[in-house]
Amino acid sequence: MRKIALALVFLLLLSSISSAQSLWKDGFNLYGDKRASKVGDIVYVVVEESATMKQKATTKTSKNASLDASQKGISVLKGVLPANLSAKGSYDGSDETSRTSTFFAMIAAKVVEVLPNGNMVIEGEHYFKGNKDTVKIVVKGMIRPEDISADNTVSSTKICNAEILYYGTGVFGSVHQPGILTQLFHLLF
């Protein structure tokens, strides 16, 4: 009898332990995937953009014109113009422009919309201020779930309709701006 009572107490204790609540939030998986998948999730965009532009233009023109006053129908001008009149003109010009730019940053972006096919629209802004400079970086576009790596990052080269904007003001931004006297000089001449 004592063994049966002990077994019943043991079963009651065991059943009360199994109905305890979880320590984790609903849907949390300790070993699960932490990639962005729904509105409000954060994904890290690795901005790695480089562009090279080279443009070359060459122009060459020439023109020759001549007039012979002795030809039929022009004899009226015989006394006014010399017998033979000729003109020549030519122009040679060339121009070459080249520019290379490289940009690297990592920006947190938020999923603002999940499309029916699973693709996600993301938007993110990053501000940096230091040494009298202000930098603002904006990233917008659409990403595919399969382009998000296991560490929840996506390369900017994988963003569809990517809009990556970089604004700079302050000492750094003004270095490339001509001074006011130079601008006035260019305006006048």
C-alpha atoms as a PDB file:
ATOM      1  CA  MET A   1       0.000   0.000   0.000  1.00  0.00           C
ATOM      2  CA  ARG A   2       2.800   2.287   0.821  1.00  0.00           C
ATOM      3  CA  LYS A   3       4.365   1.637  -2.589  1.00  0.00           C
ATOM      4  CA  ILE A   4       1.123   2.566  -4.371  1.00  0.00           C
ATOM      5  CA  ALA A   5       0.790   5.822  -2.419  1.00  0.00           C
ATOM      6  CA  LEU A   6       4.394   6.685  -3.206  1.00  0.00           C
ATOM      7  CA  ALA A   7       3.826   5.945  -6.911  1.00  0.00           C
ATOM      8  CA  LEU A   8       0.711   8.178  -6.959  1.00  0.00           C
ATOM      9  CA  VAL A   9       2.606  11.070  -5.356  1.00  0.00           C
ATOM     10  CA  PHE A  10       5.409  10.593  -7.849  1.00  0.00           C
ATOM     11  CA  LEU A  11       2.953  10.676 -10.797  1.00  0.00           C
ATOM     12  CA  LEU A  12       1.267  13.817  -9.454  1.00  0.00           C
ATOM     13  CA  LEU A  13       4.618  15.589  -9.146  1.00  0.00           C
ATOM     14  CA  LEU A  14       5.639  14.485 -12.616  1.00  0.00           C
ATOM     15  CA  SER A  15       2.414  15.753 -14.197  1.00  0.00           C
ATOM     16  CA  SER A  16       2.734  19.181 -12.511  1.00  0.00           C
ATOM     17  CA  ILE A  17       6.293  19.585 -13.832  1.00  0.00           C
ATOM     18  CA  SER A  18       5.273  18.833 -17.407  1.00  0.00           C
ATOM     19  CA  SER A  19       2.675  21.632 -17.443  1.00  0.00           C
ATOM     20  CA  ALA A  20       5.209  24.316 -16.487  1.00  0.00           C
ATOM     21  CA  GLN A  21       5.604  27.243 -18.880  1.00  0.00           C
ATOM     22  CA  SER A  22       8.634  27.757 -21.095  1.00  0.00           C
ATOM     23  CA  LEU A  23      11.375  30.188 -20.173  1.00  0.00           C
ATOM     24  CA  TRP A  24      11.591  31.352 -23.826  1.00  0.00           C
ATOM     25  CA  LYS A  25       9.268  33.636 -25.769  1.00  0.00           C
ATOM     26  CA  ASP A  26       6.739  31.962 -28.018  1.00  0.00           C
ATOM     27  CA  GLY A  27       8.359  30.962 -31.274  1.00  0.00           C
ATOM     28  CA  PHE A  28      11.915  31.487 -30.000  1.00  0.00           C
ATOM     29  CA  ASN A  29      14.343  28.843 -31.126  1.00  0.00           C
ATOM     30  CA  LEU A  30      17.754  28.821 -29.487  1.00  0.00           C
ATOM     31  CA  TYR A  31      19.352  27.125 -32.495  1.00  0.00           C
ATOM     32  CA  GLY A  32      17.113  28.563 -35.192  1.00  0.00           C
ATOM     33  CA  ASP A  33      17.690  30.952 -38.061  1.00  0.00           C
ATOM     34  CA  LYS A  34      17.950  34.623 -37.084  1.00  0.00           C
ATOM     35  CA  ARG A  35      17.669  36.063 -40.585  1.00  0.00           C
ATOM     36  CA  ALA A  36      15.188  38.852 -41.303  1.00  0.00           C
ATOM     37  CA  SER A  37      11.880  37.504 -42.587  1.00  0.00           C
ATOM     38  CA  LYS A  38       9.022  39.748 -41.456  1.00  0.00           C
ATOM     39  CA  VAL A  39       8.077  43.432 -41.205  1.00  0.00           C
ATOM     40  CA  GLY A  40      10.070  45.158 -38.502  1.00  0.00           C
ATOM     41  CA  ASP A  41      13.029  42.760 -38.639  1.00  0.00           C
ATOM     42  CA  ILE A  42      16.511  44.211 -39.046  1.00  0.00           C
ATOM     43  CA  VAL A  43      18.934  43.156 -41.768  1.00  0.00           C
ATOM     44  CA  TYR A  44      22.498  44.475 -42.109  1.00  0.00           C
ATOM     45  CA  VAL A  45      23.414  45.811 -45.544  1.00  0.00           C
ATOM     46  CA  VAL A  46      27.071  45.594 -46.524  1.00  0.00           C
ATOM     47  CA  VAL A  47      27.467  48.485 -48.953  1.00  0.00           C
ATOM     48  CA  GLU A  48      30.309  47.665 -51.321  1.00  0.00           C
ATOM     49  CA  GLU A  49      30.003  49.824 -54.387  1.00  0.00           C
ATOM     50  CA  SER A  50      32.625  50.850 -56.900  1.00  0.00           C
ATOM     51  CA  ALA A  51      32.207  52.654 -60.162  1.00  0.00           C
ATOM     52  CA  THR A  52      34.658  53.569 -62.881  1.00  0.00           C
ATOM     53  CA  MET A  53      33.770  55.941 -65.671  1.00  0.00           C
ATOM     54  CA  LYS A  54      35.976  56.846 -68.598  1.00  0.00           C
ATOM     55  CA  GLN A  55      34.891  59.036 -71.438  1.00  0.00           C
ATOM     56  CA  LYS A  56      36.896  60.143 -74.445  1.00  0.00           C
ATOM     57  CA  ALA A  57      35.806  62.407 -77.274  1.00  0.00           C
ATOM     58  CA  THR A  58      37.707  63.519 -80.362  1.00  0.00           C
ATOM     59  CA  THR A  59      36.476  66.018 -82.910  1.00  0.00           C
ATOM     60  CA  LYS A  60      38.092  66.831 -86.229  1.00  0.00           C
ATOM     61  CA  THR A  61      36.451  69.022 -88.837  1.00  0.00           C
ATOM     62  CA  SER A  62      37.597  70.807 -91.972  1.00  0.00           C
ATOM     63  CA  LYS A  63      35.869  72.872 -94.597  1.00  0.00           C
ATOM     64  CA  ASN A  64      37.048  74.210 -97.956  1.00  0.00           C
ATOM     65  CA  ALA A  65      35.195  76.693-100.130  1.00  0.00           C
ATOM     66  CA  SER A  66      36.217  78.417-103.359  1.00  0.00           C
ATOM     67  CA  LEU A  67      34.655  80.835-105.797  1.00  0.00           C
ATOM     68  CA  ASP A  68      35.816  81.513-109.350  1.00  0.00           C
ATOM     69  CA  ALA A  69      34.498  84.828-110.667  1.00  0.00           C
ATOM     70  CA  SER A  70      35.173  83.819-114.248  1.00  0.00           C
ATOM     71  CA  GLN A  71      32.424  81.174-114.203  1.00  0.00           C
ATOM     72  CA  LYS A  72      29.268  81.784-116.173  1.00  0.00           C
ATOM     73  CA  GLY A  73      26.660  83.781-114.264  1.00  0.00           C
ATOM     74  CA  ILE A  74      29.158  85.398-111.920  1.00  0.00           C
ATOM     75  CA  SER A  75      30.688  87.767-114.470  1.00  0.00           C
ATOM     76  CA  VAL A  76      28.731  90.638-112.901  1.00  0.00           C
ATOM     77  CA  LEU A  77      31.008  90.386-109.851  1.00  0.00           C
ATOM     78  CA  LYS A  78      34.149  90.301-112.002  1.00  0.00           C
ATOM     79  CA  GLY A  79      35.207  93.845-111.213  1.00  0.00           C
ATOM     80  CA  VAL A  80      34.190  93.730-107.551  1.00  0.00           C
ATOM     81  CA  LEU A  81      35.746  90.399-106.479  1.00  0.00           C
ATOM     82  CA  PRO A  82      39.119  88.947-107.362  1.00  0.00           C
ATOM     83  CA  ALA A  83      39.010  86.309-110.092  1.00  0.00           C
ATOM     84  CA  ASN A  84      39.523  83.457-107.596  1.00  0.00           C
ATOM     85  CA  LEU A  85      38.365  83.467-103.991  1.00  0.00           C
ATOM     86  CA  SER A  86      38.948  80.592-101.569  1.00  0.00           C
ATOM     87  CA  ALA A  87      38.573  79.917 -97.828  1.00  0.00           C
ATOM     88  CA  LYS A  88      39.704  77.057 -95.618  1.00  0.00           C
ATOM     89  CA  GLY A  89      38.877  76.239 -92.030  1.00  0.00           C
ATOM     90  CA  SER A  90      39.691  73.343 -89.728  1.00  0.00           C
ATOM     91  CA  TYR A  91      39.258  72.408 -86.093  1.00  0.00           C
ATOM     92  CA  ASP A  92      40.858  69.658 -84.026  1.00  0.00           C
ATOM     93  CA  GLY A  93      39.776  69.013 -80.460  1.00  0.00           C
ATOM     94  CA  SER A  94      39.844  66.189 -77.943  1.00  0.00           C
ATOM     95  CA  ASP A  95      38.750  65.638 -74.376  1.00  0.00           C
ATOM     96  CA  GLU A  96      39.198  62.806 -71.877  1.00  0.00           C
ATOM     97  CA  THR A  97      37.509  62.414 -68.510  1.00  0.00           C
ATOM     98  CA  SER A  98      37.907  59.608 -65.998  1.00  0.00           C
ATOM     99  CA  ARG A  99      36.524  59.046 -62.508  1.00  0.00           C
ATOM    100  CA  THR A 100      36.769  56.177 -60.053  1.00  0.00           C
ATOM    101  CA  SER A 101      34.857  55.934 -56.797  1.00  0.00           C
ATOM    102  CA  THR A 102      34.720  53.226 -54.149  1.00  0.00           C
ATOM    103  CA  PHE A 103      32.405  53.134 -51.154  1.00  0.00           C
ATOM    104  CA  PHE A 104      32.193  50.679 -48.257  1.00  0.00           C
ATOM    105  CA  ALA A 105      29.872  50.759 -45.217  1.00  0.00           C
ATOM    106  CA  MET A 106      27.620  48.543 -43.110  1.00  0.00           C
ATOM    107  CA  ILE A 107      24.121  49.858 -42.386  1.00  0.00           C
ATOM    108  CA  ALA A 108      21.209  48.395 -40.450  1.00  0.00           C
ATOM    109  CA  ALA A 109      18.002  48.448 -42.491  1.00  0.00           C
ATOM    110  CA  LYS A 110      14.459  47.601 -41.440  1.00  0.00           C
ATOM    111  CA  VAL A 111      12.063  45.383 -43.383  1.00  0.00           C
ATOM    112  CA  VAL A 112       9.141  47.703 -44.187  1.00  0.00           C
ATOM    113  CA  GLU A 113       7.137  45.339 -46.399  1.00  0.00           C
ATOM    114  CA  VAL A 114       7.043  41.640 -47.225  1.00  0.00           C
ATOM    115  CA  LEU A 115       5.760  40.989 -50.745  1.00  0.00           C
ATOM    116  CA  PRO A 116       3.522  37.992 -51.603  1.00  0.00           C
ATOM    117  CA  ASN A 117       6.480  36.153 -53.198  1.00  0.00           C
ATOM    118  CA  GLY A 118       8.526  36.503 -49.981  1.00  0.00           C
ATOM    119  CA  ASN A 119      10.804  39.296 -51.179  1.00  0.00           C
ATOM    120  CA  MET A 120      11.284  42.140 -48.698  1.00  0.00           C
ATOM    121  CA  VAL A 121      11.413  45.920 -49.142  1.00  0.00           C
ATOM    122  CA  ILE A 122      14.058  47.439 -46.861  1.00  0.00           C
ATOM    123  CA  GLU A 123      14.964  50.963 -45.782  1.00  0.00           C
ATOM    124  CA  GLY A 124      17.785  52.184 -43.602  1.00  0.00           C
ATOM    125  CA  GLU A 125      19.527  55.449 -42.713  1.00  0.00           C
ATOM    126  CA  HIS A 126      22.785  56.047 -40.921  1.00  0.00           C
ATOM    127  CA  TYR A 127      24.061  59.380 -39.620  1.00  0.00           C
ATOM    128  CA  PHE A 128      27.615  60.075 -38.572  1.00  0.00           C
ATOM    129  CA  LYS A 129      28.883  63.337 -37.155  1.00  0.00           C
ATOM    130  CA  GLY A 130      32.453  64.093 -36.170  1.00  0.00           C
ATOM    131  CA  ASN A 131      35.244  66.614 -36.732  1.00  0.00           C
ATOM    132  CA  LYS A 132      32.818  69.224 -38.091  1.00  0.00           C
ATOM    133  CA  ASP A 133      31.576  66.750 -40.708  1.00  0.00           C
ATOM    134  CA  THR A 134      28.130  65.217 -41.055  1.00  0.00           C
ATOM    135  CA  VAL A 135      27.582  62.133 -43.177  1.00  0.00           C
ATOM    136  CA  LYS A 136      24.208  60.616 -44.021  1.00  0.00           C
ATOM    137  CA  ILE A 137      23.875  57.274 -45.794  1.00  0.00           C
ATOM    138  CA  VAL A 138      20.492  56.027 -47.035  1.00  0.00           C
ATOM    139  CA  VAL A 139      19.801  52.510 -48.353  1.00  0.00           C
ATOM    140  CA  LYS A 140      16.502  51.428 -49.925  1.00  0.00           C
ATOM    141  CA  GLY A 141      15.496  48.544 -52.154  1.00  0.00           C
ATOM    142  CA  MET A 142      14.157  45.009 -52.399  1.00  0.00           C
ATOM    143  CA  ILE A 143      15.957  41.844 -51.302  1.00  0.00           C
ATOM    144  CA  ARG A 144      15.300  38.131 -51.680  1.00  0.00           C
ATOM    145  CA  PRO A 145      15.302  35.895 -48.574  1.00  0.00           C
ATOM    146  CA  GLU A 146      17.877  33.565 -50.145  1.00  0.00           C
ATOM    147  CA  ASP A 147      20.343  36.476 -50.545  1.00  0.00           C
ATOM    148  CA  ILE A 148      20.490  37.041 -46.784  1.00  0.00           C
ATOM    149  CA  SER A 149      23.488  35.196 -45.329  1.00  0.00           C
ATOM    150  CA  ALA A 150      23.433  33.170 -42.109  1.00  0.00           C
ATOM    151  CA  ASP A 151      24.818  36.169 -40.157  1.00  0.00           C
ATOM    152  CA  ASN A 152      21.807  38.285 -41.300  1.00  0.00           C
ATOM    153  CA  THR A 153      23.754  40.412 -43.814  1.00  0.00           C
ATOM    154  CA  VAL A 154      23.076  41.132 -47.456  1.00  0.00           C
ATOM    155  CA  SER A 155      25.439  42.655 -50.008  1.00  0.00           C
ATOM    156  CA  SER A 156      24.345  45.901 -51.649  1.00  0.00           C
ATOM    157  CA  THR A 157      25.014  44.254 -55.011  1.00  0.00           C
ATOM    158  CA  LYS A 158      22.090  41.884 -54.288  1.00  0.00           C
ATOM    159  CA  ILE A 159      19.541  44.677 -53.709  1.00  0.00           C
ATOM    160  CA  CYS A 160      17.004  45.106 -56.510  1.00  0.00           C
ATOM    161  CA  ASN A 161      16.104  48.726 -57.368  1.00  0.00           C
ATOM    162  CA  ALA A 162      18.842  49.776 -54.973  1.00  0.00           C
ATOM    163  CA  GLU A 163      18.877  53.391 -53.921  1.00  0.00           C
ATOM    164  CA  ILE A 164      22.107  54.129 -52.084  1.00  0.00           C
ATOM    165  CA  LEU A 165      22.612  57.787 -51.252  1.00  0.00           C
ATOM    166  CA  TYR A 166      25.622  59.368 -49.592  1.00  0.00           C
ATOM    167  CA  TYR A 167      25.516  62.952 -48.351  1.00  0.00           C
ATOM    168  CA  GLY A 168      28.414  64.800 -46.770  1.00  0.00           C
ATOM    169  CA  THR A 169      28.576  68.305 -45.312  1.00  0.00           C
ATOM    170  CA  GLY A 170      31.184  70.190 -43.340  1.00  0.00           C
ATOM    171  CA  VAL A 171      34.915  70.399 -43.928  1.00  0.00           C
ATOM    172  CA  PHE A 172      35.044  67.101 -45.802  1.00  0.00           C
ATOM    173  CA  GLY A 173      32.091  68.006 -48.050  1.00  0.00           C
ATOM    174  CA  SER A 174      33.351  71.537 -48.785  1.00  0.00           C
ATOM    175  CA  VAL A 175      36.863  70.514 -49.875  1.00  0.00           C
ATOM    176  CA  HIS A 176      35.607  69.705 -53.348  1.00  0.00           C
ATOM    177  CA  GLN A 177      33.608  72.945 -53.650  1.00  0.00           C
ATOM    178  CA  PRO A 178      35.398  75.948 -55.209  1.00  0.00           C
ATOM    179  CA  GLY A 179      35.559  79.093 -53.096  1.00  0.00           C
ATOM    180  CA  ILE A 180      33.129  81.956 -53.587  1.00  0.00           C
ATOM    181  CA  LEU A 181      35.663  84.160 -55.419  1.00  0.00           C
ATOM    182  CA  THR A 182      36.500  81.305 -57.794  1.00  0.00           C
ATOM    183  CA  GLN A 183      32.785  80.734 -58.446  1.00  0.00           C
ATOM    184  CA  LEU A 184      32.297  84.464 -59.119  1.00  0.00           C
ATOM    185  CA  PHE A 185      35.301  84.493 -61.463  1.00  0.00           C
ATOM    186  CA  HIS A 186      33.887  81.514 -63.409  1.00  0.00           C
ATOM    187  CA  LEU A 187      30.508  83.188 -63.578  1.00  0.00           C
ATOM    188  CA  LEU A 188      31.959  86.372 -65.063  1.00  0.00           C
ATOM    189  CA  PHE A 189      34.444  84.791 -67.445  1.00  0.00           C
END
